[in-house]
Amino acid sequence: MGKRFLAVAVFLLLICPSVALAAPSQVRISVFNFGTVNLEASGLGATVTNQLINLLGEDASLTMLDRKELEAFLSMNDLQQNDQIDNVVNIGTRLGLNVVVVGSVEKKGSVIMVLCKAVQIEQKKAILSARVAAVGEAGLAGEMRKLSQQIRNAITEQILKEKSTEGGAFGGPVEVTKRSGNRSIHLLWEAPPG
Protein backbone atom coordinates (compact mmCIF):
# COMPACT_ATOMS: atom_id res chain seq x y z
CA MET A 1 0.00 0.00 0.00
CA GLY A 2 2.82 2.44 0.91
CA LYS A 3 4.58 1.87 -2.42
CA ARG A 4 1.41 2.61 -4.35
CA PHE A 5 0.93 5.84 -2.44
CA LEU A 6 4.53 6.83 -3.14
CA ALA A 7 4.12 6.06 -6.84
CA VAL A 8 0.96 8.19 -7.02
CA ALA A 9 2.65 11.05 -5.14
CA VAL A 10 5.64 10.97 -7.49
CA PHE A 11 3.25 10.83 -10.45
CA LEU A 12 1.40 13.92 -9.22
CA LEU A 13 4.61 15.83 -8.59
CA LEU A 14 6.00 14.99 -12.03
CA ILE A 15 2.85 15.44 -14.08
CA CYS A 16 1.02 18.26 -12.36
CA PRO A 17 3.27 19.96 -9.82
CA SER A 18 1.09 23.06 -9.70
CA VAL A 19 -1.85 20.96 -8.49
CA ALA A 20 0.17 18.89 -6.05
CA LEU A 21 1.95 21.85 -4.46
CA ALA A 22 -0.73 24.52 -4.71
CA ALA A 23 -1.18 26.56 -1.57
CA PRO A 24 -4.59 27.92 -0.68
CA SER A 25 -5.03 31.24 -2.40
CA GLN A 26 -5.38 34.39 -0.33
CA VAL A 27 -8.16 36.83 -1.11
CA ARG A 28 -7.10 40.46 -0.64
CA ILE A 29 -10.01 42.38 0.85
CA SER A 30 -10.83 45.80 2.26
CA VAL A 31 -13.83 47.24 4.06
CA PHE A 32 -14.58 50.84 3.12
CA ASN A 33 -16.12 53.14 5.72
CA PHE A 34 -19.86 52.56 5.88
CA GLY A 35 -21.74 55.80 5.28
CA THR A 36 -24.67 56.98 7.38
CA VAL A 37 -28.02 57.67 5.77
CA ASN A 38 -29.42 59.85 8.54
CA LEU A 39 -28.36 61.82 11.60
CA GLU A 40 -29.67 59.15 13.99
CA ALA A 41 -27.11 56.73 12.54
CA SER A 42 -24.14 58.99 13.40
CA GLY A 43 -21.29 56.90 14.76
CA LEU A 44 -22.87 53.63 13.64
CA GLY A 45 -21.01 53.69 10.30
CA ALA A 46 -17.70 53.39 12.14
CA THR A 47 -19.13 50.70 14.44
CA VAL A 48 -20.30 48.56 11.51
CA THR A 49 -17.04 49.10 9.58
CA ASN A 50 -14.87 48.09 12.54
CA GLN A 51 -16.99 45.05 13.40
CA LEU A 52 -16.80 43.76 9.82
CA ILE A 53 -13.04 44.36 9.65
CA ASN A 54 -12.54 42.39 12.87
CA LEU A 55 -14.88 39.55 11.91
CA LEU A 56 -13.54 39.14 8.37
CA GLY A 57 -9.99 39.45 9.68
CA GLU A 58 -10.53 36.24 11.66
CA ASP A 59 -10.69 34.24 8.40
CA ALA A 60 -7.21 32.95 7.48
CA SER A 61 -8.09 32.80 3.78
CA LEU A 62 -8.70 36.56 3.70
CA THR A 63 -5.91 39.13 3.77
CA MET A 64 -7.32 42.38 5.12
CA LEU A 65 -5.78 45.59 3.77
CA ASP A 66 -4.42 47.63 6.66
CA ARG A 67 -6.63 50.67 7.38
CA LYS A 68 -3.62 53.00 7.59
CA GLU A 69 -2.41 51.82 4.19
CA LEU A 70 -5.87 52.41 2.70
CA GLU A 71 -6.18 55.88 4.25
CA ALA A 72 -2.67 56.89 3.10
CA PHE A 73 -3.35 55.70 -0.45
CA LEU A 74 -6.67 57.57 -0.62
CA SER A 75 -5.11 60.75 0.77
CA MET A 76 -2.14 60.67 -1.63
CA ASN A 77 -4.40 60.12 -4.64
CA ASP A 78 -7.22 62.46 -3.57
CA LEU A 79 -9.77 59.62 -3.63
CA GLN A 80 -12.83 59.06 -1.44
CA GLN A 81 -14.41 55.93 -0.02
CA ASN A 82 -18.00 55.47 -1.14
CA ASP A 83 -20.25 52.70 -2.45
CA GLN A 84 -20.23 53.75 -6.13
CA ILE A 85 -19.18 50.63 -8.08
CA ASP A 86 -16.92 52.54 -10.51
CA ASN A 87 -15.08 54.23 -7.65
CA VAL A 88 -14.78 50.97 -5.70
CA VAL A 89 -13.40 49.12 -8.74
CA ASN A 90 -10.93 51.94 -9.50
CA ILE A 91 -9.54 51.98 -5.95
CA GLY A 92 -9.64 48.19 -5.60
CA THR A 93 -7.77 47.69 -8.88
CA ARG A 94 -5.08 50.20 -7.98
CA LEU A 95 -4.58 48.56 -4.58
CA GLY A 96 -4.51 45.00 -5.99
CA LEU A 97 -7.62 43.96 -4.07
CA ASN A 98 -9.93 41.09 -4.97
CA VAL A 99 -12.98 42.20 -2.97
CA VAL A 100 -14.12 45.46 -1.38
CA VAL A 101 -17.00 45.58 1.10
CA VAL A 102 -19.07 48.79 1.08
CA GLY A 103 -22.36 49.94 2.49
CA SER A 104 -24.45 52.29 4.56
CA VAL A 105 -26.21 52.41 7.92
CA GLU A 106 -29.59 53.88 8.73
CA LYS A 107 -31.38 54.16 12.06
CA LYS A 108 -35.13 54.56 12.55
CA GLY A 109 -36.09 54.60 16.19
CA SER A 110 -34.35 51.62 17.76
CA VAL A 111 -34.01 49.71 14.46
CA ILE A 112 -30.61 49.81 12.77
CA MET A 113 -30.56 48.84 9.09
CA VAL A 114 -27.34 48.00 7.29
CA LEU A 115 -27.11 47.79 3.51
CA CYS A 116 -23.95 45.96 2.39
CA LYS A 117 -22.34 45.00 -0.92
CA ALA A 118 -19.28 42.87 -1.55
CA VAL A 119 -17.78 43.98 -4.86
CA GLN A 120 -15.56 41.58 -6.79
CA ILE A 121 -13.01 43.89 -8.38
CA GLU A 122 -11.96 41.87 -11.43
CA GLN A 123 -15.56 41.15 -12.44
CA LYS A 124 -16.58 44.75 -11.63
CA LYS A 125 -19.80 43.64 -9.96
CA ALA A 126 -21.38 42.98 -6.61
CA ILE A 127 -21.20 39.32 -5.62
CA LEU A 128 -23.36 40.02 -2.56
CA SER A 129 -26.05 42.58 -1.81
CA ALA A 130 -27.51 42.17 1.64
CA ARG A 131 -29.70 44.14 4.00
CA VAL A 132 -29.77 43.32 7.69
CA ALA A 133 -31.70 44.89 10.53
CA ALA A 134 -31.06 44.87 14.26
CA VAL A 135 -32.92 46.22 17.24
CA GLY A 136 -30.49 48.43 19.12
CA GLU A 137 -26.71 48.27 19.19
CA ALA A 138 -26.84 45.11 21.31
CA GLY A 139 -28.49 43.20 18.44
CA LEU A 140 -26.12 44.72 15.89
CA ALA A 141 -23.14 42.51 16.86
CA GLY A 142 -25.06 39.31 16.11
CA GLU A 143 -26.27 40.64 12.78
CA MET A 144 -22.72 41.68 11.83
CA ARG A 145 -21.51 38.15 12.60
CA LYS A 146 -24.18 36.74 10.24
CA LEU A 147 -23.35 39.35 7.61
CA SER A 148 -19.63 38.55 7.76
CA GLN A 149 -20.48 34.88 7.18
CA GLN A 150 -22.60 35.83 4.16
CA ILE A 151 -19.66 37.81 2.77
CA ARG A 152 -17.30 34.86 3.30
CA ASN A 153 -19.77 32.51 1.61
CA ALA A 154 -20.13 34.85 -1.38
CA ILE A 155 -16.35 35.11 -1.75
CA THR A 156 -15.92 31.33 -1.53
CA GLU A 157 -18.70 30.75 -4.06
CA GLN A 158 -17.15 33.29 -6.45
CA ILE A 159 -13.69 31.71 -6.14
CA LEU A 160 -15.10 28.25 -6.87
CA LYS A 161 -17.01 29.63 -9.86
CA GLU A 162 -13.83 31.28 -11.20
CA LYS A 163 -11.75 28.13 -10.77
CA SER A 164 -14.33 26.01 -12.61
CA THR A 165 -14.24 28.35 -15.62
CA GLU A 166 -10.49 29.09 -15.69
CA GLY A 167 -8.99 28.27 -19.08
CA GLY A 168 -10.64 24.88 -19.24
CA ALA A 169 -9.98 21.97 -16.94
CA PHE A 170 -6.68 20.11 -16.94
CA GLY A 171 -7.35 16.97 -18.93
CA GLY A 172 -4.56 14.97 -17.35
CA PRO A 173 -2.30 12.50 -19.07
CA VAL A 174 -3.72 10.14 -21.68
CA GLU A 175 -2.95 6.53 -22.53
CA VAL A 176 -1.50 5.78 -19.12
CA THR A 177 -0.01 2.30 -18.86
CA LYS A 178 1.38 0.63 -15.79
CA ARG A 179 3.95 -2.14 -15.63
CA SER A 180 4.69 -3.70 -12.29
CA GLY A 181 8.10 -5.09 -11.60
CA ASN A 182 9.55 -6.88 -8.58
CA ARG A 183 10.50 -3.72 -6.75
CA SER A 184 9.04 -0.91 -8.85
CA ILE A 185 6.12 0.30 -10.86
CA HIS A 186 6.69 1.87 -14.28
CA LEU A 187 4.17 4.41 -15.52
CA LEU A 188 4.05 5.55 -19.14
CA TRP A 189 1.76 8.24 -20.51
CA GLU A 190 1.26 10.82 -23.22
CA ALA A 191 0.55 14.51 -22.77
CA PRO A 192 -3.07 15.59 -23.10
CA PRO A 193 -4.13 17.23 -26.36
CA GLY A 194 -3.31 20.96 -26.49
C-alpha atoms as a PDB file:
ATOM      1  CA  MET A   1       0.000   0.000   0.000  1.00  0.00           C
ATOM      2  CA  GLY A   2       2.817   2.435   0.909  1.00  0.00           C
ATOM      3  CA  LYS A   3       4.578   1.867  -2.423  1.00  0.00           C
ATOM      4  CA  ARG A   4       1.406   2.613  -4.347  1.00  0.00           C
ATOM      5  CA  PHE A   5       0.935   5.837  -2.441  1.00  0.00           C
ATOM      6  CA  LEU A   6       4.530   6.830  -3.138  1.00  0.00           C
ATOM      7  CA  ALA A   7       4.123   6.059  -6.843  1.00  0.00           C
ATOM      8  CA  VAL A   8       0.956   8.193  -7.024  1.00  0.00           C
ATOM      9  CA  ALA A   9       2.646  11.049  -5.141  1.00  0.00           C
ATOM     10  CA  VAL A  10       5.641  10.970  -7.488  1.00  0.00           C
ATOM     11  CA  PHE A  11       3.247  10.825 -10.451  1.00  0.00           C
ATOM     12  CA  LEU A  12       1.402  13.920  -9.217  1.00  0.00           C
ATOM     13  CA  LEU A  13       4.609  15.830  -8.590  1.00  0.00           C
ATOM     14  CA  LEU A  14       6.001  14.993 -12.031  1.00  0.00           C
ATOM     15  CA  ILE A  15       2.845  15.437 -14.081  1.00  0.00           C
ATOM     16  CA  CYS A  16       1.020  18.255 -12.358  1.00  0.00           C
ATOM     17  CA  PRO A  17       3.274  19.962  -9.820  1.00  0.00           C
ATOM     18  CA  SER A  18       1.092  23.063  -9.697  1.00  0.00           C
ATOM     19  CA  VAL A  19      -1.848  20.959  -8.488  1.00  0.00           C
ATOM     20  CA  ALA A  20       0.175  18.890  -6.048  1.00  0.00           C
ATOM     21  CA  LEU A  21       1.952  21.845  -4.458  1.00  0.00           C
ATOM     22  CA  ALA A  22      -0.734  24.516  -4.707  1.00  0.00           C
ATOM     23  CA  ALA A  23      -1.178  26.562  -1.574  1.00  0.00           C
ATOM     24  CA  PRO A  24      -4.587  27.918  -0.676  1.00  0.00           C
ATOM     25  CA  SER A  25      -5.033  31.245  -2.402  1.00  0.00           C
ATOM     26  CA  GLN A  26      -5.384  34.388  -0.334  1.00  0.00           C
ATOM     27  CA  VAL A  27      -8.157  36.826  -1.114  1.00  0.00           C
ATOM     28  CA  ARG A  28      -7.102  40.463  -0.643  1.00  0.00           C
ATOM     29  CA  ILE A  29     -10.006  42.377   0.846  1.00  0.00           C
ATOM     30  CA  SER A  30     -10.835  45.800   2.255  1.00  0.00           C
ATOM     31  CA  VAL A  31     -13.831  47.238   4.056  1.00  0.00           C
ATOM     32  CA  PHE A  32     -14.584  50.839   3.116  1.00  0.00           C
ATOM     33  CA  ASN A  33     -16.116  53.139   5.717  1.00  0.00           C
ATOM     34  CA  PHE A  34     -19.861  52.562   5.883  1.00  0.00           C
ATOM     35  CA  GLY A  35     -21.743  55.800   5.281  1.00  0.00           C
ATOM     36  CA  THR A  36     -24.671  56.980   7.380  1.00  0.00           C
ATOM     37  CA  VAL A  37     -28.025  57.669   5.770  1.00  0.00           C
ATOM     38  CA  ASN A  38     -29.425  59.854   8.535  1.00  0.00           C
ATOM     39  CA  LEU A  39     -28.357  61.822  11.597  1.00  0.00           C
ATOM     40  CA  GLU A  40     -29.670  59.151  13.995  1.00  0.00           C
ATOM     41  CA  ALA A  41     -27.105  56.730  12.544  1.00  0.00           C
ATOM     42  CA  SER A  42     -24.138  58.988  13.401  1.00  0.00           C
ATOM     43  CA  GLY A  43     -21.287  56.897  14.761  1.00  0.00           C
ATOM     44  CA  LEU A  44     -22.866  53.626  13.639  1.00  0.00           C
ATOM     45  CA  GLY A  45     -21.014  53.687  10.303  1.00  0.00           C
ATOM     46  CA  ALA A  46     -17.696  53.387  12.142  1.00  0.00           C
ATOM     47  CA  THR A  47     -19.125  50.697  14.442  1.00  0.00           C
ATOM     48  CA  VAL A  48     -20.303  48.560  11.511  1.00  0.00           C
ATOM     49  CA  THR A  49     -17.043  49.105   9.582  1.00  0.00           C
ATOM     50  CA  ASN A  50     -14.873  48.094  12.541  1.00  0.00           C
ATOM     51  CA  GLN A  51     -16.991  45.053  13.398  1.00  0.00           C
ATOM     52  CA  LEU A  52     -16.801  43.760   9.815  1.00  0.00           C
ATOM     53  CA  ILE A  53     -13.045  44.363   9.647  1.00  0.00           C
ATOM     54  CA  ASN A  54     -12.537  42.390  12.868  1.00  0.00           C
ATOM     55  CA  LEU A  55     -14.883  39.548  11.912  1.00  0.00           C
ATOM     56  CA  LEU A  56     -13.536  39.141   8.370  1.00  0.00           C
ATOM     57  CA  GLY A  57      -9.987  39.452   9.684  1.00  0.00           C
ATOM     58  CA  GLU A  58     -10.533  36.241  11.664  1.00  0.00           C
ATOM     59  CA  ASP A  59     -10.686  34.239   8.404  1.00  0.00           C
ATOM     60  CA  ALA A  60      -7.205  32.946   7.484  1.00  0.00           C
ATOM     61  CA  SER A  61      -8.091  32.796   3.776  1.00  0.00           C
ATOM     62  CA  LEU A  62      -8.698  36.558   3.701  1.00  0.00           C
ATOM     63  CA  THR A  63      -5.907  39.126   3.769  1.00  0.00           C
ATOM     64  CA  MET A  64      -7.321  42.380   5.116  1.00  0.00           C
ATOM     65  CA  LEU A  65      -5.778  45.586   3.771  1.00  0.00           C
ATOM     66  CA  ASP A  66      -4.417  47.627   6.659  1.00  0.00           C
ATOM     67  CA  ARG A  67      -6.625  50.671   7.384  1.00  0.00           C
ATOM     68  CA  LYS A  68      -3.621  53.000   7.591  1.00  0.00           C
ATOM     69  CA  GLU A  69      -2.407  51.817   4.188  1.00  0.00           C
ATOM     70  CA  LEU A  70      -5.865  52.409   2.697  1.00  0.00           C
ATOM     71  CA  GLU A  71      -6.179  55.880   4.249  1.00  0.00           C
ATOM     72  CA  ALA A  72      -2.673  56.892   3.101  1.00  0.00           C
ATOM     73  CA  PHE A  73      -3.347  55.700  -0.450  1.00  0.00           C
ATOM     74  CA  LEU A  74      -6.666  57.566  -0.618  1.00  0.00           C
ATOM     75  CA  SER A  75      -5.112  60.750   0.770  1.00  0.00           C
ATOM     76  CA  MET A  76      -2.141  60.674  -1.630  1.00  0.00           C
ATOM     77  CA  ASN A  77      -4.398  60.117  -4.639  1.00  0.00           C
ATOM     78  CA  ASP A  78      -7.221  62.464  -3.574  1.00  0.00           C
ATOM     79  CA  LEU A  79      -9.770  59.617  -3.630  1.00  0.00           C
ATOM     80  CA  GLN A  80     -12.826  59.063  -1.436  1.00  0.00           C
ATOM     81  CA  GLN A  81     -14.411  55.929  -0.018  1.00  0.00           C
ATOM     82  CA  ASN A  82     -18.004  55.469  -1.144  1.00  0.00           C
ATOM     83  CA  ASP A  83     -20.252  52.704  -2.445  1.00  0.00           C
ATOM     84  CA  GLN A  84     -20.232  53.752  -6.132  1.00  0.00           C
ATOM     85  CA  ILE A  85     -19.180  50.626  -8.081  1.00  0.00           C
ATOM     86  CA  ASP A  86     -16.919  52.542 -10.515  1.00  0.00           C
ATOM     87  CA  ASN A  87     -15.077  54.235  -7.654  1.00  0.00           C
ATOM     88  CA  VAL A  88     -14.781  50.967  -5.698  1.00  0.00           C
ATOM     89  CA  VAL A  89     -13.401  49.124  -8.743  1.00  0.00           C
ATOM     90  CA  ASN A  90     -10.933  51.939  -9.495  1.00  0.00           C
ATOM     91  CA  ILE A  91      -9.543  51.975  -5.947  1.00  0.00           C
ATOM     92  CA  GLY A  92      -9.640  48.193  -5.599  1.00  0.00           C
ATOM     93  CA  THR A  93      -7.774  47.688  -8.881  1.00  0.00           C
ATOM     94  CA  ARG A  94      -5.078  50.202  -7.983  1.00  0.00           C
ATOM     95  CA  LEU A  95      -4.579  48.564  -4.579  1.00  0.00           C
ATOM     96  CA  GLY A  96      -4.510  45.003  -5.994  1.00  0.00           C
ATOM     97  CA  LEU A  97      -7.619  43.957  -4.072  1.00  0.00           C
ATOM     98  CA  ASN A  98      -9.928  41.090  -4.966  1.00  0.00           C
ATOM     99  CA  VAL A  99     -12.979  42.201  -2.972  1.00  0.00           C
ATOM    100  CA  VAL A 100     -14.124  45.459  -1.384  1.00  0.00           C
ATOM    101  CA  VAL A 101     -17.001  45.581   1.102  1.00  0.00           C
ATOM    102  CA  VAL A 102     -19.073  48.793   1.083  1.00  0.00           C
ATOM    103  CA  GLY A 103     -22.358  49.940   2.491  1.00  0.00           C
ATOM    104  CA  SER A 104     -24.452  52.287   4.557  1.00  0.00           C
ATOM    105  CA  VAL A 105     -26.207  52.412   7.917  1.00  0.00           C
ATOM    106  CA  GLU A 106     -29.593  53.884   8.732  1.00  0.00           C
ATOM    107  CA  LYS A 107     -31.384  54.158  12.062  1.00  0.00           C
ATOM    108  CA  LYS A 108     -35.127  54.564  12.548  1.00  0.00           C
ATOM    109  CA  GLY A 109     -36.087  54.600  16.193  1.00  0.00           C
ATOM    110  CA  SER A 110     -34.352  51.620  17.761  1.00  0.00           C
ATOM    111  CA  VAL A 111     -34.013  49.711  14.458  1.00  0.00           C
ATOM    112  CA  ILE A 112     -30.610  49.814  12.773  1.00  0.00           C
ATOM    113  CA  MET A 113     -30.559  48.844   9.092  1.00  0.00           C
ATOM    114  CA  VAL A 114     -27.342  47.996   7.286  1.00  0.00           C
ATOM    115  CA  LEU A 115     -27.108  47.790   3.511  1.00  0.00           C
ATOM    116  CA  CYS A 116     -23.953  45.959   2.389  1.00  0.00           C
ATOM    117  CA  LYS A 117     -22.342  45.004  -0.919  1.00  0.00           C
ATOM    118  CA  ALA A 118     -19.285  42.867  -1.551  1.00  0.00           C
ATOM    119  CA  VAL A 119     -17.777  43.983  -4.856  1.00  0.00           C
ATOM    120  CA  GLN A 120     -15.564  41.579  -6.794  1.00  0.00           C
ATOM    121  CA  ILE A 121     -13.009  43.887  -8.377  1.00  0.00           C
ATOM    122  CA  GLU A 122     -11.958  41.874 -11.434  1.00  0.00           C
ATOM    123  CA  GLN A 123     -15.564  41.149 -12.436  1.00  0.00           C
ATOM    124  CA  LYS A 124     -16.576  44.755 -11.629  1.00  0.00           C
ATOM    125  CA  LYS A 125     -19.797  43.639  -9.964  1.00  0.00           C
ATOM    126  CA  ALA A 126     -21.377  42.982  -6.607  1.00  0.00           C
ATOM    127  CA  ILE A 127     -21.197  39.321  -5.616  1.00  0.00           C
ATOM    128  CA  LEU A 128     -23.362  40.017  -2.564  1.00  0.00           C
ATOM    129  CA  SER A 129     -26.049  42.577  -1.806  1.00  0.00           C
ATOM    130  CA  ALA A 130     -27.508  42.171   1.642  1.00  0.00           C
ATOM    131  CA  ARG A 131     -29.700  44.138   4.004  1.00  0.00           C
ATOM    132  CA  VAL A 132     -29.767  43.321   7.691  1.00  0.00           C
ATOM    133  CA  ALA A 133     -31.704  44.892  10.529  1.00  0.00           C
ATOM    134  CA  ALA A 134     -31.061  44.872  14.263  1.00  0.00           C
ATOM    135  CA  VAL A 135     -32.922  46.222  17.244  1.00  0.00           C
ATOM    136  CA  GLY A 136     -30.489  48.433  19.116  1.00  0.00           C
ATOM    137  CA  GLU A 137     -26.714  48.269  19.193  1.00  0.00           C
ATOM    138  CA  ALA A 138     -26.840  45.106  21.307  1.00  0.00           C
ATOM    139  CA  GLY A 139     -28.489  43.204  18.442  1.00  0.00           C
ATOM    140  CA  LEU A 140     -26.120  44.720  15.887  1.00  0.00           C
ATOM    141  CA  ALA A 141     -23.138  42.515  16.860  1.00  0.00           C
ATOM    142  CA  GLY A 142     -25.059  39.311  16.115  1.00  0.00           C
ATOM    143  CA  GLU A 143     -26.266  40.644  12.778  1.00  0.00           C
ATOM    144  CA  MET A 144     -22.722  41.677  11.832  1.00  0.00           C
ATOM    145  CA  ARG A 145     -21.513  38.148  12.599  1.00  0.00           C
ATOM    146  CA  LYS A 146     -24.182  36.742  10.244  1.00  0.00           C
ATOM    147  CA  LEU A 147     -23.346  39.349   7.608  1.00  0.00           C
ATOM    148  CA  SER A 148     -19.627  38.545   7.756  1.00  0.00           C
ATOM    149  CA  GLN A 149     -20.477  34.884   7.176  1.00  0.00           C
ATOM    150  CA  GLN A 150     -22.604  35.832   4.158  1.00  0.00           C
ATOM    151  CA  ILE A 151     -19.661  37.811   2.775  1.00  0.00           C
ATOM    152  CA  ARG A 152     -17.299  34.856   3.297  1.00  0.00           C
ATOM    153  CA  ASN A 153     -19.766  32.507   1.607  1.00  0.00           C
ATOM    154  CA  ALA A 154     -20.135  34.855  -1.383  1.00  0.00           C
ATOM    155  CA  ILE A 155     -16.351  35.108  -1.750  1.00  0.00           C
ATOM    156  CA  THR A 156     -15.918  31.327  -1.528  1.00  0.00           C
ATOM    157  CA  GLU A 157     -18.696  30.750  -4.057  1.00  0.00           C
ATOM    158  CA  GLN A 158     -17.147  33.286  -6.450  1.00  0.00           C
ATOM    159  CA  ILE A 159     -13.695  31.706  -6.139  1.00  0.00           C
ATOM    160  CA  LEU A 160     -15.099  28.252  -6.870  1.00  0.00           C
ATOM    161  CA  LYS A 161     -17.009  29.628  -9.857  1.00  0.00           C
ATOM    162  CA  GLU A 162     -13.831  31.280 -11.204  1.00  0.00           C
ATOM    163  CA  LYS A 163     -11.753  28.130 -10.768  1.00  0.00           C
ATOM    164  CA  SER A 164     -14.327  26.011 -12.607  1.00  0.00           C
ATOM    165  CA  THR A 165     -14.244  28.352 -15.622  1.00  0.00           C
ATOM    166  CA  GLU A 166     -10.489  29.085 -15.686  1.00  0.00           C
ATOM    167  CA  GLY A 167      -8.994  28.265 -19.080  1.00  0.00           C
ATOM    168  CA  GLY A 168     -10.640  24.876 -19.245  1.00  0.00           C
ATOM    169  CA  ALA A 169      -9.978  21.972 -16.941  1.00  0.00           C
ATOM    170  CA  PHE A 170      -6.681  20.109 -16.942  1.00  0.00           C
ATOM    171  CA  GLY A 171      -7.349  16.968 -18.928  1.00  0.00           C
ATOM    172  CA  GLY A 172      -4.557  14.974 -17.346  1.00  0.00           C
ATOM    173  CA  PRO A 173      -2.298  12.500 -19.074  1.00  0.00           C
ATOM    174  CA  VAL A 174      -3.722  10.139 -21.683  1.00  0.00           C
ATOM    175  CA  GLU A 175      -2.950   6.530 -22.526  1.00  0.00           C
ATOM    176  CA  VAL A 176      -1.498   5.784 -19.124  1.00  0.00           C
ATOM    177  CA  THR A 177      -0.010   2.302 -18.865  1.00  0.00           C
ATOM    178  CA  LYS A 178       1.379   0.633 -15.795  1.00  0.00           C
ATOM    179  CA  ARG A 179       3.950  -2.139 -15.629  1.00  0.00           C
ATOM    180  CA  SER A 180       4.687  -3.696 -12.290  1.00  0.00           C
ATOM    181  CA  GLY A 181       8.104  -5.088 -11.600  1.00  0.00           C
ATOM    182  CA  ASN A 182       9.550  -6.878  -8.577  1.00  0.00           C
ATOM    183  CA  ARG A 183      10.500  -3.717  -6.754  1.00  0.00           C
ATOM    184  CA  SER A 184       9.041  -0.908  -8.852  1.00  0.00           C
ATOM    185  CA  ILE A 185       6.116   0.300 -10.864  1.00  0.00           C
ATOM    186  CA  HIS A 186       6.691   1.865 -14.281  1.00  0.00           C
ATOM    187  CA  LEU A 187       4.173   4.410 -15.524  1.00  0.00           C
ATOM    188  CA  LEU A 188       4.052   5.546 -19.141  1.00  0.00           C
ATOM    189  CA  TRP A 189       1.757   8.244 -20.509  1.00  0.00           C
ATOM    190  CA  GLU A 190       1.258  10.820 -23.222  1.00  0.00           C
ATOM    191  CA  ALA A 191       0.551  14.505 -22.773  1.00  0.00           C
ATOM    192  CA  PRO A 192      -3.072  15.588 -23.101  1.00  0.00           C
ATOM    193  CA  PRO A 193      -4.133  17.229 -26.363  1.00  0.00           C
ATOM    194  CA  GLY A 194      -3.313  20.957 -26.485  1.00  0.00           C
END
